[in-house]
Amino acid sequence: MLDKEIKAQLNQYLELLENDIVLKVSVGSDDVSNNMLELVNEIASMSSKITVEETKLERTPSFSVNRVGEDTGIVFAGLPLGEEFTSLILALLQVSGRAPKVDQSVIDQIKSIDEEYHFETFVSLSCHNCPEVVQALNIMSVLNPNITHTMIDGATNKEEAEERNVRAVPAVFLNGKFWNGGRISIQEILAKLGEGTSVEEFEEKDPFDVLVIGGGPAGASAAIYAARKGIRTGIVAERFGGQILDTLSIENFISVKETQGPKLAQALEEHVKEYDIDVMDLQRAKRLEKKDLIEVELENGAVLKSKSVIISTGARWRNVNVPGEEEFKNKGVAYCPHCDGPLYEGKDVAVIGGGNSGVEAAIDLAGIAKHVTVLEFASELKADQVLQERLYSLPNVTVLTNAATKEITGTDNVNGLTYTDRETGEEHHIELEGVFVQIGLVPNTEWLEGTLERNKFGEIIVDKQGATSIPGVFAAGDCTDSAYNQIVISMGSGATAALGAFDYLIRN
């Protein structure tokens, strides 16, 4: 099952096992069962601390990772390969006794939970967002006997995925009911379970010298540069890493040949934590007001004060804003072809958008779906010529230009899309089961309406120091009127804004 290189890496990890563990496997005579049995036996053969027992679990094929004489509640219903292989390695290590790499405050919150929570997460093995969810819930299962978690590969368990109406991954069910769709961190899980930070803890904080709002590449860079000046620095982040968490492959980050968004986000967070920076995660800014100090009100009602502020709230996927889009999100409307594409195997789908993102998505989906229809509003595709040539070479792709999406239709799930031909004015309807939206980005600046100067696109207007129209307030990254939206540019603008803020503090 495993090639030589992966086995060599795995062997190094298995040397870190602290105590004996048992893999209980439930298999039948199908191909996945045979592969699963081969996988667990191969892993067991590499360490004297691992044994395999055949048993009967809720799903077949599946296997659980347990301490000797104790079920931990961690189950893999499907082969945890591809993006989920790391989840398997971490489960082996943590069940054996190695402490998970999370803050002690998080561990204490998990251990204090006294209710019974039985989680199930539907994943696809190509989904780069799924492992964080799987690993978070596995950690909770290891630390608290009241919690169990099962990873379910949607491709292996197609019938169950269909029965439970899973149209996007990761899809988390709690005690049998749908609970969350999309990426969610361990801190977000705890907050959603009612284990979050109290407002009082925020309001007891002294004023900052620099308060950074946003935890993406620009925000992390700004916080590090500010902290290195020896001034009191805080960072408020709705989700640390920001938009790069949704990016699969990054190949243009200078000095790093190739990485993935979640890995870069983790590296950013680890770098920030090397400094004396007050990181306030899972918090969204609601209001900004300039008084003697600059006040930032959070969605939870707390008000933070600072001598200067750097806004780096980034951007998000742009919506089509047509009837049916919001109603059918995660029910046929999707934004990540890498994550959700495998759920549409053999189905008819559409991609809205003819830029690089849209055409790349269509090429990706063409290898999975029965047929892909690309809808471009303009008279021609905007993607690079090499991508267009590849797209037009595919036999199961139709390209529609001058197509204005009017409505996404459906009942419980998406069943079609209605568009208008902008040349003829005629209305057409396509029957399909999935719609992937790929039409660019919109800055996360609505909360600043009427506060500081923005352009017609909602981007914050900044000068060469990153300063905005409000003295002491700076901005950086994709939320600004920067000419280009790139990770390396966001990091540079974050550093610029931090140096600009420091210069402001010196002079004022």
Protein backbone atom coordinates (compact mmCIF):
# COMPACT_ATOMS: atom_id res chain seq x y z
CA MET A 1 0.00 0.00 0.00
CA LEU A 2 2.79 2.46 0.89
CA ASP A 3 5.76 3.34 -1.32
CA LYS A 4 9.33 3.25 -0.01
CA GLU A 5 9.59 6.99 0.62
CA ILE A 6 6.36 7.16 2.63
CA LYS A 7 7.33 4.03 4.59
CA ALA A 8 10.68 5.58 5.45
CA GLN A 9 8.96 8.72 6.76
CA LEU A 10 6.33 6.72 8.60
CA ASN A 11 8.98 4.56 10.23
CA GLN A 12 10.56 7.68 11.75
CA TYR A 13 7.22 8.75 13.21
CA LEU A 14 6.43 5.31 14.59
CA GLU A 15 9.68 5.39 16.57
CA LEU A 16 8.03 8.22 18.56
CA LEU A 17 5.19 5.99 19.83
CA GLU A 18 5.18 6.07 23.63
CA ASN A 19 2.84 3.19 24.51
CA ASP A 20 1.21 0.19 22.85
CA ILE A 21 -1.82 0.75 20.64
CA VAL A 22 -4.39 -1.55 19.01
CA LEU A 23 -5.90 -1.12 15.54
CA LYS A 24 -9.33 -2.75 15.50
CA VAL A 25 -10.39 -3.34 11.92
CA SER A 26 -13.80 -4.21 10.49
CA VAL A 27 -13.56 -5.49 6.92
CA GLY A 28 -15.51 -7.41 4.30
CA SER A 29 -14.51 -8.89 0.95
CA ASP A 30 -14.57 -5.68 -1.13
CA ASP A 31 -11.50 -3.97 -2.56
CA VAL A 32 -11.45 -1.15 -0.01
CA SER A 33 -11.61 -3.70 2.82
CA ASN A 34 -8.71 -5.64 1.35
CA ASN A 35 -6.67 -2.46 0.96
CA MET A 36 -7.53 -1.36 4.51
CA LEU A 37 -6.47 -4.68 5.99
CA GLU A 38 -3.25 -4.51 3.99
CA LEU A 39 -2.61 -0.95 5.23
CA VAL A 40 -3.12 -1.63 8.95
CA ASN A 41 -1.07 -4.84 8.80
CA GLU A 42 1.71 -3.00 6.99
CA ILE A 43 1.72 -0.28 9.66
CA ALA A 44 1.69 -2.88 12.46
CA SER A 45 4.65 -4.70 10.89
CA MET A 46 6.71 -1.53 11.26
CA SER A 47 6.37 -1.25 15.07
CA SER A 48 6.28 -3.74 17.92
CA LYS A 49 3.96 -1.35 19.77
CA ILE A 50 1.11 -1.81 17.27
CA THR A 51 -1.18 -4.83 17.08
CA VAL A 52 -4.18 -5.54 14.83
CA GLU A 53 -7.48 -7.12 15.84
CA GLU A 54 -10.36 -7.93 13.51
CA THR A 55 -13.73 -6.97 14.94
CA LYS A 56 -17.14 -5.60 13.95
CA LEU A 57 -17.54 -1.82 13.93
CA GLU A 58 -20.53 0.34 12.97
CA ARG A 59 -19.27 0.68 9.40
CA THR A 60 -17.45 -1.78 7.17
CA PRO A 61 -14.78 -1.15 6.05
CA SER A 62 -13.38 0.89 8.95
CA PHE A 63 -10.82 0.70 11.73
CA SER A 64 -10.33 2.33 15.12
CA VAL A 65 -7.17 3.46 16.90
CA ASN A 66 -7.15 2.48 20.57
CA ARG A 67 -5.12 2.23 23.71
CA VAL A 68 -4.71 -1.31 25.05
CA GLY A 69 -7.90 -2.20 26.87
CA GLU A 70 -9.55 1.14 26.07
CA ASP A 71 -11.47 2.44 23.04
CA THR A 72 -10.60 6.06 22.28
CA GLY A 73 -13.47 6.67 19.89
CA ILE A 74 -11.24 7.51 16.90
CA VAL A 75 -12.47 5.68 13.79
CA PHE A 76 -11.47 5.89 10.13
CA ALA A 77 -14.30 4.75 7.84
CA GLY A 78 -12.26 4.68 4.67
CA LEU A 79 -8.58 4.64 3.79
CA PRO A 80 -6.90 7.68 5.42
CA LEU A 81 -4.51 8.30 2.55
CA GLY A 82 -4.01 11.39 0.40
CA GLU A 83 -4.66 14.54 2.43
CA GLU A 84 -5.75 12.43 5.44
CA PHE A 85 -2.54 10.41 5.85
CA THR A 86 -1.21 12.98 8.33
CA SER A 87 -4.43 12.58 10.33
CA LEU A 88 -3.67 8.87 10.68
CA ILE A 89 -0.07 9.46 11.78
CA LEU A 90 -1.14 12.02 14.39
CA ALA A 91 -3.88 9.71 15.67
CA LEU A 92 -1.33 6.91 16.15
CA LEU A 93 1.07 9.17 18.03
CA GLN A 94 -1.53 10.88 20.20
CA VAL A 95 -3.34 7.67 21.16
CA SER A 96 0.05 6.22 22.15
CA GLY A 97 0.51 9.04 24.63
CA ARG A 98 2.29 11.87 22.81
CA ALA A 99 0.73 15.19 23.74
CA PRO A 100 -1.05 17.06 20.91
CA LYS A 101 0.48 20.38 19.89
CA VAL A 102 -2.24 22.68 21.20
CA ASP A 103 -2.19 25.29 23.94
CA GLN A 104 -2.73 24.11 27.49
CA SER A 105 -5.78 26.36 27.75
CA VAL A 106 -7.35 24.43 24.85
CA ILE A 107 -6.50 21.10 26.48
CA ASP A 108 -8.11 22.26 29.73
CA GLN A 109 -11.28 23.32 27.91
CA ILE A 110 -11.54 19.95 26.16
CA LYS A 111 -11.02 17.97 29.35
CA SER A 112 -13.67 20.00 31.17
CA ILE A 113 -16.45 18.95 28.75
CA ASP A 114 -18.85 16.64 30.58
CA GLU A 115 -21.49 16.17 27.86
CA GLU A 116 -21.34 13.27 25.39
CA TYR A 117 -20.44 14.36 21.87
CA HIS A 118 -20.33 11.86 19.00
CA PHE A 119 -18.88 13.52 15.90
CA GLU A 120 -18.78 12.22 12.33
CA THR A 121 -16.94 14.05 9.55
CA PHE A 122 -17.50 13.34 5.86
CA VAL A 123 -14.34 14.06 3.87
CA SER A 124 -12.80 13.56 0.47
CA LEU A 125 -9.18 12.45 0.33
CA SER A 126 -8.32 15.34 -2.00
CA CYS A 127 -9.73 17.98 0.37
CA HIS A 128 -7.05 20.18 1.93
CA ASN A 129 -9.55 21.69 4.40
CA CYS A 130 -10.71 18.36 5.83
CA PRO A 131 -7.56 17.28 7.75
CA GLU A 132 -7.72 20.21 10.18
CA VAL A 133 -11.27 19.25 11.15
CA VAL A 134 -10.46 15.54 11.41
CA GLN A 135 -7.34 16.17 13.46
CA ALA A 136 -9.10 18.62 15.80
CA LEU A 137 -11.93 16.20 16.57
CA ASN A 138 -9.47 13.31 16.96
CA ILE A 139 -7.53 15.34 19.52
CA MET A 140 -10.75 15.98 21.44
CA SER A 141 -11.51 12.24 21.40
CA VAL A 142 -8.04 11.42 22.72
CA LEU A 143 -8.31 13.92 25.57
CA ASN A 144 -11.91 13.33 26.67
CA PRO A 145 -13.66 9.94 26.93
CA ASN A 146 -17.03 11.68 26.47
CA ILE A 147 -16.11 12.51 22.87
CA THR A 148 -15.86 10.19 19.84
CA HIS A 149 -15.04 10.93 16.23
CA THR A 150 -15.36 9.03 12.96
CA MET A 151 -13.79 10.17 9.70
CA ILE A 152 -16.00 9.03 6.80
CA ASP A 153 -14.60 9.00 3.27
CA GLY A 154 -17.52 10.14 1.11
CA ALA A 155 -16.19 8.27 -1.94
CA THR A 156 -16.08 4.95 -0.03
CA ASN A 157 -19.43 5.56 1.64
CA LYS A 158 -21.36 7.06 -1.30
CA GLU A 159 -24.77 5.74 -0.30
CA GLU A 160 -24.52 7.13 3.23
CA ALA A 161 -23.27 10.47 1.91
CA GLU A 162 -26.25 10.65 -0.44
CA GLU A 163 -28.72 9.62 2.28
CA ARG A 164 -27.38 12.33 4.60
CA ASN A 165 -27.39 14.90 1.81
CA VAL A 166 -23.66 15.59 1.91
CA ARG A 167 -22.82 17.84 -1.05
CA ALA A 168 -19.71 19.58 0.31
CA VAL A 169 -16.85 18.60 2.59
CA PRO A 170 -15.85 18.69 5.33
CA ALA A 171 -19.36 18.05 6.66
CA VAL A 172 -19.53 17.50 10.41
CA PHE A 173 -22.42 15.72 12.12
CA LEU A 174 -22.89 15.86 15.89
CA ASN A 175 -24.95 13.18 17.60
CA GLY A 176 -26.43 12.22 14.23
CA LYS A 177 -27.43 15.73 13.07
CA PHE A 178 -25.64 18.06 10.65
CA TRP A 179 -23.59 20.49 12.74
CA ASN A 180 -21.03 22.32 10.57
CA GLY A 181 -19.97 22.64 6.96
CA GLY A 182 -16.50 23.76 5.90
CA ARG A 183 -13.20 24.27 7.63
CA ILE A 184 -13.34 24.76 11.39
CA SER A 185 -10.45 24.89 13.87
CA ILE A 186 -10.32 23.27 17.30
CA GLN A 187 -10.81 26.69 18.90
CA GLU A 188 -13.85 27.34 16.71
CA ILE A 189 -15.28 23.94 17.63
CA LEU A 190 -14.95 24.74 21.33
CA ALA A 191 -16.50 28.17 20.83
CA LYS A 192 -19.43 26.63 18.96
CA LEU A 193 -19.91 24.16 21.80
CA GLY A 194 -20.08 27.08 24.23
CA GLU A 195 -16.53 26.78 25.55
CA GLY A 196 -15.26 30.14 24.26
CA THR A 197 -13.56 33.16 25.84
CA SER A 198 -15.69 35.54 27.93
CA VAL A 199 -16.16 39.23 27.05
CA GLU A 200 -14.72 40.23 30.42
CA GLU A 201 -11.34 38.79 29.50
CA PHE A 202 -11.14 41.20 26.54
CA GLU A 203 -12.23 44.27 28.41
CA GLU A 204 -9.58 43.77 31.07
CA LYS A 205 -6.82 44.26 28.49
CA ASP A 206 -4.68 47.40 28.63
CA PRO A 207 -4.51 49.60 25.52
CA PHE A 208 -2.18 48.39 22.77
CA ASP A 209 0.46 50.37 20.92
CA VAL A 210 -0.44 48.52 17.72
CA LEU A 211 -3.59 46.44 17.23
CA VAL A 212 -3.68 44.35 14.07
CA ILE A 213 -7.10 43.29 12.76
CA GLY A 214 -6.81 40.19 10.59
CA GLY A 215 -4.61 37.10 10.80
CA GLY A 216 -3.65 36.38 7.19
CA PRO A 217 -0.20 36.93 5.65
CA ALA A 218 -0.50 40.73 5.89
CA GLY A 219 -1.69 40.65 9.50
CA ALA A 220 0.92 38.14 10.64
CA SER A 221 3.68 40.14 8.96
CA ALA A 222 2.44 43.40 10.51
CA ALA A 223 2.22 41.87 14.00
CA ILE A 224 5.73 40.41 13.82
CA TYR A 225 7.27 43.65 12.56
CA ALA A 226 5.48 45.64 15.27
CA ALA A 227 6.44 43.23 18.06
CA ARG A 228 10.08 43.32 16.99
CA LYS A 229 10.03 47.04 17.77
CA GLY A 230 9.37 46.15 21.42
CA ILE A 231 5.94 47.77 21.56
CA ARG A 232 2.72 46.29 22.94
CA THR A 233 1.12 44.40 20.05
CA GLY A 234 -2.17 42.57 19.70
CA ILE A 235 -3.79 40.74 16.82
CA VAL A 236 -7.51 40.07 16.35
CA ALA A 237 -8.21 37.28 13.86
CA GLU A 238 -11.49 35.73 12.80
CA ARG A 239 -9.47 32.71 11.63
CA PHE A 240 -5.70 32.71 11.68
CA GLY A 241 -4.31 32.26 8.20
CA GLY A 242 -7.24 33.92 6.45
CA GLN A 243 -7.81 33.23 2.78
CA ILE A 244 -4.70 31.06 2.33
CA LEU A 245 -6.44 28.36 4.38
CA ASP A 246 -8.57 27.80 1.26
CA THR A 247 -5.59 27.65 -1.11
CA LEU A 248 -4.41 24.20 -2.14
CA SER A 249 -1.07 24.73 -3.86
CA ILE A 250 1.25 27.73 -3.52
CA GLU A 251 4.15 27.79 -5.96
CA ASN A 252 5.00 31.50 -6.16
CA PHE A 253 6.02 32.21 -2.57
CA ILE A 254 9.63 33.19 -3.07
CA SER A 255 12.26 30.81 -1.57
CA VAL A 256 9.64 28.07 -1.07
CA LYS A 257 9.26 25.97 -4.22
CA GLU A 258 5.89 24.54 -3.26
CA THR A 259 3.66 24.48 -0.20
CA GLN A 260 -0.01 24.33 0.74
CA GLY A 261 -2.09 27.12 2.23
CA PRO A 262 -2.85 25.40 5.56
CA LYS A 263 0.86 24.62 6.06
CA LEU A 264 1.81 28.22 5.41
CA ALA A 265 -0.94 29.42 7.77
CA GLN A 266 0.40 27.13 10.50
CA ALA A 267 3.91 28.43 9.95
CA LEU A 268 2.66 32.02 10.17
CA GLU A 269 0.88 31.32 13.45
CA GLU A 270 3.92 29.59 14.93
CA HIS A 271 6.12 32.54 13.91
CA VAL A 272 3.72 35.04 15.50
CA LYS A 273 3.72 33.04 18.75
CA GLU A 274 7.50 33.37 18.94
CA TYR A 275 6.91 37.00 19.96
CA ASP A 276 5.10 38.70 22.81
CA ILE A 277 1.94 39.22 20.78
CA ASP A 278 -1.54 38.98 22.31
CA VAL A 279 -3.34 36.73 19.81
CA MET A 280 -7.14 36.99 20.02
CA ASP A 281 -8.40 34.29 17.67
CA LEU A 282 -11.98 33.66 16.50
CA GLN A 283 -12.90 37.33 16.86
CA ARG A 284 -14.45 39.61 14.25
CA ALA A 285 -14.21 43.41 14.34
CA LYS A 286 -17.53 45.25 14.17
CA ARG A 287 -16.75 48.96 14.51
CA LEU A 288 -13.74 51.32 14.52
CA GLU A 289 -13.81 54.81 16.02
CA LYS A 290 -11.06 57.40 16.55
CA LYS A 291 -11.16 59.05 19.98
CA ASP A 292 -8.21 59.85 22.26
CA LEU A 293 -7.29 56.27 21.46
CA ILE A 294 -8.63 54.20 18.59
CA GLU A 295 -11.47 51.95 19.72
CA VAL A 296 -12.27 48.66 18.01
CA GLU A 297 -15.54 46.98 18.96
CA LEU A 298 -15.77 43.23 18.43
CA GLU A 299 -18.84 41.19 17.46
CA ASN A 300 -18.96 39.80 21.01
CA GLY A 301 -19.45 43.35 22.37
CA ALA A 302 -15.97 43.84 23.80
CA VAL A 303 -14.10 47.07 23.01
CA LEU A 304 -10.32 47.07 22.52
CA LYS A 305 -8.26 50.27 22.59
CA SER A 306 -5.00 51.07 20.84
CA LYS A 307 -2.73 53.97 19.92
CA SER A 308 -2.61 52.71 16.33
CA VAL A 309 -4.44 50.09 14.28
CA ILE A 310 -3.49 48.05 11.21
CA ILE A 311 -6.44 46.67 9.23
CA SER A 312 -5.62 43.49 7.31
CA THR A 313 -9.00 41.79 7.00
CA GLY A 314 -8.28 40.40 3.52
CA ALA A 315 -10.89 39.30 1.00
CA ARG A 316 -13.31 36.44 0.35
CA TRP A 317 -14.86 34.64 -2.59
CA ARG A 318 -17.26 36.87 -4.50
CA ASN A 319 -20.85 35.65 -4.63
CA VAL A 320 -22.95 35.61 -7.80
CA ASN A 321 -25.80 37.09 -5.74
CA VAL A 322 -28.62 35.36 -7.60
CA PRO A 323 -31.64 33.50 -6.21
CA GLY A 324 -30.68 30.02 -5.06
CA GLU A 325 -27.01 30.69 -4.29
CA GLU A 326 -27.42 31.21 -0.56
CA GLU A 327 -30.23 28.65 -0.22
CA PHE A 328 -28.16 25.86 -1.81
CA LYS A 329 -24.73 26.50 -0.32
CA ASN A 330 -23.31 23.09 0.62
CA LYS A 331 -26.32 21.58 -1.17
CA GLY A 332 -24.91 21.83 -4.66
CA VAL A 333 -23.40 25.33 -4.60
CA ALA A 334 -19.67 25.09 -3.86
CA TYR A 335 -16.55 27.24 -4.04
CA CYS A 336 -13.70 24.71 -3.81
CA PRO A 337 -13.37 22.20 -6.67
CA HIS A 338 -10.46 20.44 -4.97
CA CYS A 339 -12.47 19.77 -1.82
CA ASP A 340 -15.95 19.12 -3.15
CA GLY A 341 -15.23 17.87 -6.65
CA PRO A 342 -15.11 14.14 -5.72
CA LEU A 343 -18.70 14.36 -4.45
CA TYR A 344 -19.85 15.13 -8.00
CA GLU A 345 -18.33 12.12 -9.70
CA GLY A 346 -20.40 11.18 -12.73
CA LYS A 347 -22.69 14.22 -12.35
CA ASP A 348 -23.35 17.28 -14.50
CA VAL A 349 -21.91 20.47 -13.03
CA ALA A 350 -21.35 24.11 -13.97
CA VAL A 351 -18.53 26.54 -13.24
CA ILE A 352 -19.41 30.24 -13.11
CA GLY A 353 -16.37 32.28 -14.12
CA GLY A 354 -13.97 32.19 -17.07
CA GLY A 355 -10.83 33.58 -15.44
CA ASN A 356 -7.86 31.45 -14.39
CA SER A 357 -9.63 30.14 -11.29
CA GLY A 358 -12.76 29.19 -13.19
CA VAL A 359 -10.98 27.48 -16.06
CA GLU A 360 -8.62 25.62 -13.70
CA ALA A 361 -11.67 24.45 -11.75
CA ALA A 362 -13.37 23.27 -14.93
CA ILE A 363 -10.29 21.33 -16.04
CA ASP A 364 -10.07 19.73 -12.60
CA LEU A 365 -13.76 18.82 -12.53
CA ALA A 366 -13.74 17.44 -16.07
CA GLY A 367 -11.74 14.48 -14.84
CA ILE A 368 -14.41 13.66 -12.25
CA ALA A 369 -17.80 14.89 -13.46
CA LYS A 370 -19.87 13.58 -16.34
CA HIS A 371 -20.06 17.01 -17.98
CA VAL A 372 -18.89 20.54 -17.12
CA THR A 373 -20.46 23.75 -18.40
CA VAL A 374 -18.43 26.95 -18.04
CA LEU A 375 -20.41 30.21 -17.94
CA GLU A 376 -18.55 33.46 -18.64
CA PHE A 377 -20.35 36.81 -18.44
CA ALA A 378 -18.03 38.53 -20.94
CA SER A 379 -17.73 37.82 -24.66
CA GLU A 380 -14.61 35.71 -24.20
CA LEU A 381 -12.77 33.79 -21.49
CA LYS A 382 -10.24 35.78 -19.44
CA ALA A 383 -8.00 32.84 -18.48
CA ASP A 384 -4.45 32.41 -19.74
CA GLN A 385 -4.26 31.05 -23.28
CA VAL A 386 -2.55 27.82 -22.22
CA LEU A 387 -5.42 27.09 -19.84
CA GLN A 388 -8.01 27.86 -22.51
CA GLU A 389 -6.32 25.50 -24.96
CA ARG A 390 -6.38 22.74 -22.38
CA LEU A 391 -10.04 23.44 -21.57
CA TYR A 392 -11.19 23.36 -25.20
CA SER A 393 -9.37 20.05 -25.73
CA LEU A 394 -11.61 18.28 -23.21
CA PRO A 395 -14.54 16.35 -24.71
CA ASN A 396 -16.92 16.76 -21.77
CA VAL A 397 -16.75 20.56 -21.41
CA THR A 398 -19.07 23.20 -22.89
CA VAL A 399 -18.12 26.88 -22.76
CA LEU A 400 -20.86 29.53 -22.81
CA THR A 401 -19.81 33.17 -23.20
CA ASN A 402 -22.08 36.22 -22.82
CA ALA A 403 -23.93 34.13 -20.21
CA ALA A 404 -25.49 36.04 -17.31
CA THR A 405 -26.44 33.68 -14.50
CA LYS A 406 -30.01 34.46 -13.44
CA GLU A 407 -30.93 31.76 -10.90
CA ILE A 408 -29.68 28.52 -9.35
CA THR A 409 -32.65 26.19 -9.05
CA GLY A 410 -33.44 23.20 -6.88
CA THR A 411 -35.65 21.64 -4.25
CA ASP A 412 -33.64 20.04 -1.46
CA ASN A 413 -30.48 20.26 -3.61
CA VAL A 414 -29.40 22.03 -6.78
CA ASN A 415 -31.09 20.67 -9.90
CA GLY A 416 -30.24 23.33 -12.46
CA LEU A 417 -29.12 26.80 -13.49
CA THR A 418 -30.92 29.48 -15.50
CA TYR A 419 -28.93 32.01 -17.53
CA THR A 420 -29.61 34.74 -20.07
CA ASP A 421 -27.75 34.98 -23.36
CA ARG A 422 -26.60 38.64 -23.30
CA GLU A 423 -26.45 38.81 -27.10
CA THR A 424 -29.94 37.51 -27.90
CA GLY A 425 -31.71 38.15 -24.60
CA GLU A 426 -32.95 34.56 -24.63
CA GLU A 427 -33.26 32.66 -21.36
CA HIS A 428 -31.93 29.10 -21.04
CA HIS A 429 -32.00 26.45 -18.35
CA ILE A 430 -29.38 23.75 -17.76
CA GLU A 431 -30.13 20.66 -15.70
CA LEU A 432 -27.23 19.83 -13.38
CA GLU A 433 -26.42 18.85 -9.80
CA GLY A 434 -23.58 21.16 -8.85
CA VAL A 435 -22.51 24.78 -9.36
CA PHE A 436 -18.97 25.96 -8.60
CA VAL A 437 -18.60 29.73 -8.20
CA GLN A 438 -15.22 31.15 -9.29
CA ILE A 439 -15.64 34.89 -9.99
CA GLY A 440 -12.97 36.58 -7.95
CA LEU A 441 -12.71 38.29 -4.58
CA VAL A 442 -14.40 41.04 -2.56
CA PRO A 443 -12.61 42.88 0.31
CA ASN A 444 -13.80 42.32 3.88
CA THR A 445 -14.40 45.99 4.63
CA GLU A 446 -18.18 46.36 4.97
CA TRP A 447 -17.79 46.96 8.71
CA LEU A 448 -15.87 50.17 7.91
CA GLU A 449 -18.75 51.79 6.00
CA GLY A 450 -18.69 55.55 6.67
CA THR A 451 -15.49 55.30 8.72
CA LEU A 452 -12.52 55.75 6.37
CA GLU A 453 -11.94 56.30 2.66
CA ARG A 454 -12.52 53.33 0.34
CA ASN A 455 -12.74 53.08 -3.44
CA LYS A 456 -15.76 51.95 -5.47
CA PHE A 457 -14.73 48.32 -4.99
CA GLY A 458 -14.72 48.67 -1.20
CA GLU A 459 -10.91 48.54 -1.01
CA ILE A 460 -9.24 50.75 1.62
CA ILE A 461 -7.21 53.55 0.05
CA VAL A 462 -3.68 53.72 1.49
CA ASP A 463 -0.53 55.76 0.85
CA LYS A 464 3.01 54.46 0.48
CA GLN A 465 3.33 54.03 4.28
CA GLY A 466 0.09 52.04 4.42
CA ALA A 467 -1.71 54.97 6.11
CA THR A 468 -5.47 55.42 5.64
CA SER A 469 -7.57 58.59 5.78
CA ILE A 470 -7.73 58.30 9.60
CA PRO A 471 -4.53 59.29 11.48
CA GLY A 472 -3.11 56.28 13.30
CA VAL A 473 -5.06 53.76 11.22
CA PHE A 474 -3.11 51.77 8.64
CA ALA A 475 -4.11 48.96 6.29
CA ALA A 476 -2.40 46.15 4.38
CA GLY A 477 -3.08 43.23 2.09
CA ASP A 478 -6.06 42.26 -0.05
CA CYS A 479 -8.46 44.64 1.73
CA THR A 480 -6.55 47.63 0.30
CA ASP A 481 -6.30 49.21 -3.15
CA SER A 482 -3.06 47.36 -3.83
CA ALA A 483 -2.51 46.78 -7.55
CA TYR A 484 -2.15 43.02 -7.11
CA ASN A 485 -3.42 40.40 -4.66
CA GLN A 486 -0.53 38.06 -3.91
CA ILE A 487 0.75 36.48 -0.68
CA VAL A 488 4.22 37.94 -0.99
CA ILE A 489 2.77 41.40 -1.70
CA SER A 490 0.45 41.14 1.32
CA MET A 491 3.36 40.24 3.58
CA GLY A 492 5.36 43.18 2.29
CA SER A 493 2.47 45.58 2.76
CA GLY A 494 1.98 44.25 6.31
CA ALA A 495 5.60 45.07 7.11
CA THR A 496 5.18 48.52 5.51
CA ALA A 497 2.06 49.24 7.58
CA ALA A 498 3.80 48.17 10.81
CA LEU A 499 6.79 50.41 10.10
CA GLY A 500 4.40 53.22 9.21
CA ALA A 501 2.50 52.72 12.47
CA PHE A 502 5.74 52.72 14.46
CA ASP A 503 6.81 55.96 12.78
CA TYR A 504 3.40 57.44 13.62
CA LEU A 505 3.81 56.47 17.29
CA ILE A 506 7.27 58.07 17.47
CA ARG A 507 6.02 61.33 15.99
CA ASN A 508 2.79 61.49 18.00
